[in-house]
Amino acid sequence: MFESISLVVLAALAWLWFDSLKARDAAIRAARITCEAESLQLLDDTVAIASLWLQRNEEGRMVLRRVYAFEFSNTGDNRRRGSIALLGHRIVAVNIGLHLV
């Protein structure tokens, strides 16, 4: 019995890891596109998970809501923080705040 439960837990963790990799890739793409569209420089070329929780989507299904943080520069010598929120694998918000040139 213990082995079966362990296998289920390991399978769930493997699914979460692979699903998170796909969501992270989508967040990186969104950060790149947003920075290019706003003439900003995406720093470190990556995003970092800021929060993770369950939330219902438009169909009423429970999915993971992830918020990723990233840093960008508008002048080349400063660092500003932005965030990207995903509901499942769908991007629902990109926040770069007010950036002054």
N, C-alpha and C. Protein backbone atom coordinates (compact mmCIF):
# COMPACT_ATOMS: atom_id res chain seq x y z
N MET A 1 0.82 -1.19 0.00
CA MET A 1 0.00 0.00 0.00
C MET A 1 0.87 1.26 0.00
N PHE A 2 1.92 1.26 0.82
CA PHE A 2 2.82 2.41 0.89
C PHE A 2 3.47 2.68 -0.46
N GLU A 3 3.83 1.63 -1.16
CA GLU A 3 4.47 1.79 -2.46
C GLU A 3 3.53 2.44 -3.47
N SER A 4 2.27 2.05 -3.44
CA SER A 4 1.28 2.62 -4.36
C SER A 4 1.09 4.11 -4.10
N ILE A 5 0.97 4.47 -2.84
CA ILE A 5 0.80 5.88 -2.49
C ILE A 5 2.04 6.67 -2.88
N SER A 6 3.19 6.11 -2.66
CA SER A 6 4.45 6.77 -3.02
C SER A 6 4.53 7.00 -4.52
N LEU A 7 4.12 6.02 -5.30
CA LEU A 7 4.13 6.17 -6.76
C LEU A 7 3.17 7.26 -7.23
N VAL A 8 2.00 7.32 -6.62
CA VAL A 8 1.03 8.36 -6.97
C VAL A 8 1.58 9.73 -6.62
N VAL A 9 2.17 9.88 -5.46
CA VAL A 9 2.75 11.16 -5.05
C VAL A 9 3.89 11.55 -5.99
N LEU A 10 4.76 10.61 -6.32
CA LEU A 10 5.86 10.91 -7.25
C LEU A 10 5.35 11.28 -8.63
N ALA A 11 4.31 10.61 -9.10
CA ALA A 11 3.73 10.93 -10.41
C ALA A 11 3.12 12.34 -10.39
N ALA A 12 2.45 12.70 -9.30
CA ALA A 12 1.87 14.03 -9.18
C ALA A 12 2.95 15.10 -9.15
N LEU A 13 4.04 14.84 -8.44
CA LEU A 13 5.14 15.80 -8.41
C LEU A 13 5.81 15.93 -9.77
N ALA A 14 5.96 14.84 -10.49
CA ALA A 14 6.54 14.89 -11.84
C ALA A 14 5.64 15.68 -12.77
N TRP A 15 4.32 15.46 -12.68
CA TRP A 15 3.38 16.23 -13.51
C TRP A 15 3.48 17.72 -13.19
N LEU A 16 3.52 18.08 -11.90
CA LEU A 16 3.62 19.48 -11.50
C LEU A 16 4.91 20.10 -12.04
N TRP A 17 6.00 19.37 -11.99
CA TRP A 17 7.28 19.90 -12.46
C TRP A 17 7.22 20.16 -13.97
N PHE A 18 6.75 19.18 -14.75
CA PHE A 18 6.67 19.36 -16.21
C PHE A 18 5.66 20.45 -16.59
N ASP A 19 4.54 20.50 -15.90
CA ASP A 19 3.54 21.53 -16.16
C ASP A 19 4.10 22.91 -15.83
N SER A 20 4.87 23.01 -14.77
CA SER A 20 5.48 24.28 -14.40
C SER A 20 6.53 24.72 -15.41
N LEU A 21 7.25 23.79 -16.00
CA LEU A 21 8.22 24.13 -17.04
C LEU A 21 7.53 24.75 -18.25
N LYS A 22 6.39 24.17 -18.65
CA LYS A 22 5.64 24.73 -19.79
C LYS A 22 5.10 26.11 -19.46
N ALA A 23 4.59 26.30 -18.25
CA ALA A 23 4.06 27.60 -17.85
C ALA A 23 5.19 28.63 -17.77
N ARG A 24 6.34 28.23 -17.28
CA ARG A 24 7.48 29.14 -17.19
C ARG A 24 7.93 29.58 -18.58
N ASP A 25 7.95 28.65 -19.53
CA ASP A 25 8.32 28.99 -20.90
C ASP A 25 7.34 30.01 -21.50
N ALA A 26 6.06 29.83 -21.22
CA ALA A 26 5.05 30.79 -21.70
C ALA A 26 5.27 32.16 -21.07
N ALA A 27 5.63 32.18 -19.79
CA ALA A 27 5.86 33.45 -19.10
C ALA A 27 7.11 34.15 -19.66
N ILE A 28 8.15 33.39 -19.97
CA ILE A 28 9.36 33.99 -20.55
C ILE A 28 9.04 34.58 -21.92
N ARG A 29 8.28 33.85 -22.73
CA ARG A 29 7.89 34.38 -24.04
C ARG A 29 7.09 35.67 -23.90
N ALA A 30 6.15 35.69 -22.96
CA ALA A 30 5.34 36.90 -22.74
C ALA A 30 6.19 38.06 -22.27
N ALA A 31 7.16 37.81 -21.41
CA ALA A 31 8.05 38.87 -20.93
C ALA A 31 8.88 39.43 -22.08
N ARG A 32 9.40 38.55 -22.93
CA ARG A 32 10.19 38.99 -24.08
C ARG A 32 9.35 39.85 -25.03
N ILE A 33 8.16 39.36 -25.35
CA ILE A 33 7.29 40.08 -26.28
C ILE A 33 6.90 41.44 -25.72
N THR A 34 6.56 41.48 -24.43
CA THR A 34 6.17 42.73 -23.79
C THR A 34 7.34 43.72 -23.79
N CYS A 35 8.51 43.25 -23.42
CA CYS A 35 9.68 44.14 -23.39
C CYS A 35 10.03 44.65 -24.78
N GLU A 36 9.95 43.80 -25.78
CA GLU A 36 10.23 44.24 -27.15
C GLU A 36 9.19 45.28 -27.60
N ALA A 37 7.93 45.04 -27.30
CA ALA A 37 6.86 45.96 -27.72
C ALA A 37 6.99 47.32 -27.04
N GLU A 38 7.52 47.36 -25.84
CA GLU A 38 7.64 48.61 -25.09
C GLU A 38 9.06 49.19 -25.16
N SER A 39 9.92 48.62 -25.99
CA SER A 39 11.32 49.06 -26.13
C SER A 39 12.05 49.01 -24.79
N LEU A 40 11.87 47.90 -24.08
CA LEU A 40 12.54 47.67 -22.81
C LEU A 40 13.52 46.52 -22.96
N GLN A 41 14.46 46.44 -22.03
CA GLN A 41 15.43 45.35 -22.05
C GLN A 41 15.06 44.35 -20.95
N LEU A 42 14.79 43.10 -21.34
CA LEU A 42 14.51 42.04 -20.37
C LEU A 42 15.84 41.62 -19.75
N LEU A 43 15.98 41.81 -18.45
CA LEU A 43 17.22 41.50 -17.77
C LEU A 43 17.25 40.04 -17.35
N ASP A 44 18.40 39.44 -17.42
CA ASP A 44 18.64 38.04 -17.04
C ASP A 44 17.90 37.04 -17.91
N ASP A 45 17.08 37.51 -18.84
CA ASP A 45 16.36 36.68 -19.80
C ASP A 45 15.60 35.53 -19.15
N THR A 46 15.00 35.79 -17.98
CA THR A 46 14.28 34.74 -17.29
C THR A 46 13.19 35.33 -16.39
N VAL A 47 12.38 34.45 -15.85
CA VAL A 47 11.34 34.81 -14.88
C VAL A 47 11.50 33.91 -13.66
N ALA A 48 10.93 34.34 -12.54
CA ALA A 48 10.99 33.54 -11.31
C ALA A 48 9.58 33.45 -10.72
N ILE A 49 9.25 32.28 -10.22
CA ILE A 49 7.92 32.09 -9.65
C ILE A 49 7.78 32.94 -8.38
N ALA A 50 6.70 33.71 -8.31
CA ALA A 50 6.44 34.56 -7.15
C ALA A 50 5.33 33.98 -6.29
N SER A 51 4.32 33.35 -6.92
CA SER A 51 3.25 32.72 -6.16
C SER A 51 2.58 31.64 -7.00
N LEU A 52 1.95 30.72 -6.29
CA LEU A 52 1.29 29.57 -6.91
C LEU A 52 0.12 29.17 -6.03
N TRP A 53 -1.09 29.12 -6.62
CA TRP A 53 -2.26 28.68 -5.87
C TRP A 53 -3.32 28.18 -6.84
N LEU A 54 -4.36 27.59 -6.30
CA LEU A 54 -5.47 27.08 -7.10
C LEU A 54 -6.52 28.17 -7.29
N GLN A 55 -7.09 28.20 -8.50
CA GLN A 55 -8.16 29.15 -8.79
C GLN A 55 -9.03 28.56 -9.89
N ARG A 56 -10.29 28.94 -9.93
CA ARG A 56 -11.20 28.46 -10.97
C ARG A 56 -11.01 29.28 -12.24
N ASN A 57 -11.05 28.58 -13.39
CA ASN A 57 -10.98 29.29 -14.68
C ASN A 57 -12.39 29.63 -15.14
N GLU A 58 -12.52 30.09 -16.40
CA GLU A 58 -13.82 30.53 -16.92
C GLU A 58 -14.84 29.41 -16.98
N GLU A 59 -14.37 28.18 -17.16
CA GLU A 59 -15.29 27.03 -17.21
C GLU A 59 -15.62 26.48 -15.83
N GLY A 60 -15.05 27.06 -14.79
CA GLY A 60 -15.31 26.60 -13.43
C GLY A 60 -14.38 25.50 -12.96
N ARG A 61 -13.38 25.16 -13.75
CA ARG A 61 -12.42 24.11 -13.36
C ARG A 61 -11.31 24.70 -12.50
N MET A 62 -10.83 23.89 -11.58
CA MET A 62 -9.71 24.32 -10.74
C MET A 62 -8.42 24.15 -11.54
N VAL A 63 -7.67 25.24 -11.66
CA VAL A 63 -6.37 25.22 -12.34
C VAL A 63 -5.37 25.97 -11.47
N LEU A 64 -4.11 25.81 -11.80
CA LEU A 64 -3.08 26.52 -11.06
C LEU A 64 -2.95 27.95 -11.57
N ARG A 65 -2.93 28.89 -10.66
CA ARG A 65 -2.65 30.28 -11.00
C ARG A 65 -1.23 30.55 -10.54
N ARG A 66 -0.40 30.96 -11.49
CA ARG A 66 1.00 31.24 -11.21
C ARG A 66 1.28 32.70 -11.50
N VAL A 67 2.07 33.31 -10.66
CA VAL A 67 2.55 34.67 -10.92
C VAL A 67 4.07 34.59 -10.96
N TYR A 68 4.62 35.06 -12.06
CA TYR A 68 6.06 35.09 -12.26
C TYR A 68 6.55 36.53 -12.22
N ALA A 69 7.69 36.74 -11.60
CA ALA A 69 8.32 38.06 -11.55
C ALA A 69 9.50 38.07 -12.52
N PHE A 70 9.75 39.25 -13.09
CA PHE A 70 10.92 39.42 -13.94
C PHE A 70 11.43 40.84 -13.78
N GLU A 71 12.63 41.07 -14.24
CA GLU A 71 13.22 42.40 -14.16
C GLU A 71 13.52 42.90 -15.55
N PHE A 72 13.33 44.20 -15.72
CA PHE A 72 13.61 44.83 -17.01
C PHE A 72 14.26 46.18 -16.75
N SER A 73 14.79 46.75 -17.81
CA SER A 73 15.40 48.07 -17.72
C SER A 73 14.86 48.94 -18.84
N ASN A 74 14.59 50.19 -18.51
CA ASN A 74 14.15 51.12 -19.54
C ASN A 74 15.27 52.04 -20.00
N THR A 75 16.36 52.12 -19.24
CA THR A 75 17.48 52.98 -19.62
C THR A 75 18.76 52.21 -19.85
N GLY A 76 18.83 50.99 -19.42
CA GLY A 76 20.04 50.19 -19.55
C GLY A 76 20.90 50.18 -18.30
N ASP A 77 20.63 51.07 -17.35
CA ASP A 77 21.43 51.09 -16.12
C ASP A 77 20.56 51.07 -14.86
N ASN A 78 19.34 50.60 -14.98
CA ASN A 78 18.47 50.44 -13.81
C ASN A 78 17.74 49.11 -13.89
N ARG A 79 17.13 48.71 -12.79
CA ARG A 79 16.36 47.47 -12.74
C ARG A 79 14.97 47.79 -12.23
N ARG A 80 13.98 47.36 -12.97
CA ARG A 80 12.58 47.51 -12.55
C ARG A 80 11.94 46.13 -12.57
N ARG A 81 10.92 45.98 -11.73
CA ARG A 81 10.25 44.67 -11.62
C ARG A 81 8.93 44.67 -12.36
N GLY A 82 8.67 43.56 -13.01
CA GLY A 82 7.39 43.33 -13.65
C GLY A 82 6.86 41.98 -13.22
N SER A 83 5.63 41.68 -13.61
CA SER A 83 5.06 40.38 -13.26
C SER A 83 4.13 39.91 -14.37
N ILE A 84 3.97 38.60 -14.42
CA ILE A 84 3.09 37.95 -15.39
C ILE A 84 2.25 36.94 -14.63
N ALA A 85 0.93 37.02 -14.80
CA ALA A 85 0.02 36.08 -14.15
C ALA A 85 -0.53 35.11 -15.19
N LEU A 86 -0.49 33.82 -14.87
CA LEU A 86 -1.03 32.79 -15.74
C LEU A 86 -2.10 32.02 -14.99
N LEU A 87 -3.17 31.72 -15.69
CA LEU A 87 -4.23 30.87 -15.16
C LEU A 87 -4.19 29.61 -16.01
N GLY A 88 -3.66 28.56 -15.44
CA GLY A 88 -3.34 27.38 -16.24
C GLY A 88 -2.13 27.73 -17.09
N HIS A 89 -2.30 27.69 -18.41
CA HIS A 89 -1.22 28.10 -19.31
C HIS A 89 -1.59 29.36 -20.07
N ARG A 90 -2.69 29.99 -19.69
CA ARG A 90 -3.16 31.19 -20.36
C ARG A 90 -2.71 32.42 -19.60
N ILE A 91 -2.10 33.35 -20.29
CA ILE A 91 -1.63 34.58 -19.67
C ILE A 91 -2.84 35.49 -19.45
N VAL A 92 -3.03 35.90 -18.21
CA VAL A 92 -4.18 36.75 -17.89
C VAL A 92 -3.77 38.17 -17.56
N ALA A 93 -2.51 38.41 -17.21
CA ALA A 93 -2.07 39.77 -16.90
C ALA A 93 -0.56 39.89 -17.05
N VAL A 94 -0.15 41.02 -17.59
CA VAL A 94 1.27 41.39 -17.63
C VAL A 94 1.37 42.78 -17.03
N ASN A 95 2.21 42.92 -16.01
CA ASN A 95 2.35 44.19 -15.32
C ASN A 95 3.80 44.65 -15.40
N ILE A 96 4.00 45.79 -16.07
CA ILE A 96 5.33 46.39 -16.08
C ILE A 96 5.31 47.74 -15.37
N GLY A 97 4.17 48.10 -14.83
CA GLY A 97 4.05 49.33 -14.08
C GLY A 97 4.30 50.54 -14.97
N LEU A 98 4.54 51.64 -14.35
CA LEU A 98 4.83 52.87 -15.06
C LEU A 98 6.34 52.96 -15.25
N HIS A 99 6.79 52.98 -16.49
CA HIS A 99 8.23 53.11 -16.72
C HIS A 99 8.49 54.42 -17.45
N LEU A 100 9.30 55.22 -16.85
CA LEU A 100 9.63 56.53 -17.41
C LEU A 100 10.97 56.45 -18.13
N VAL A 101 11.04 57.01 -19.29
CA VAL A 101 12.28 56.98 -20.07
C VAL A 101 13.08 58.22 -19.78
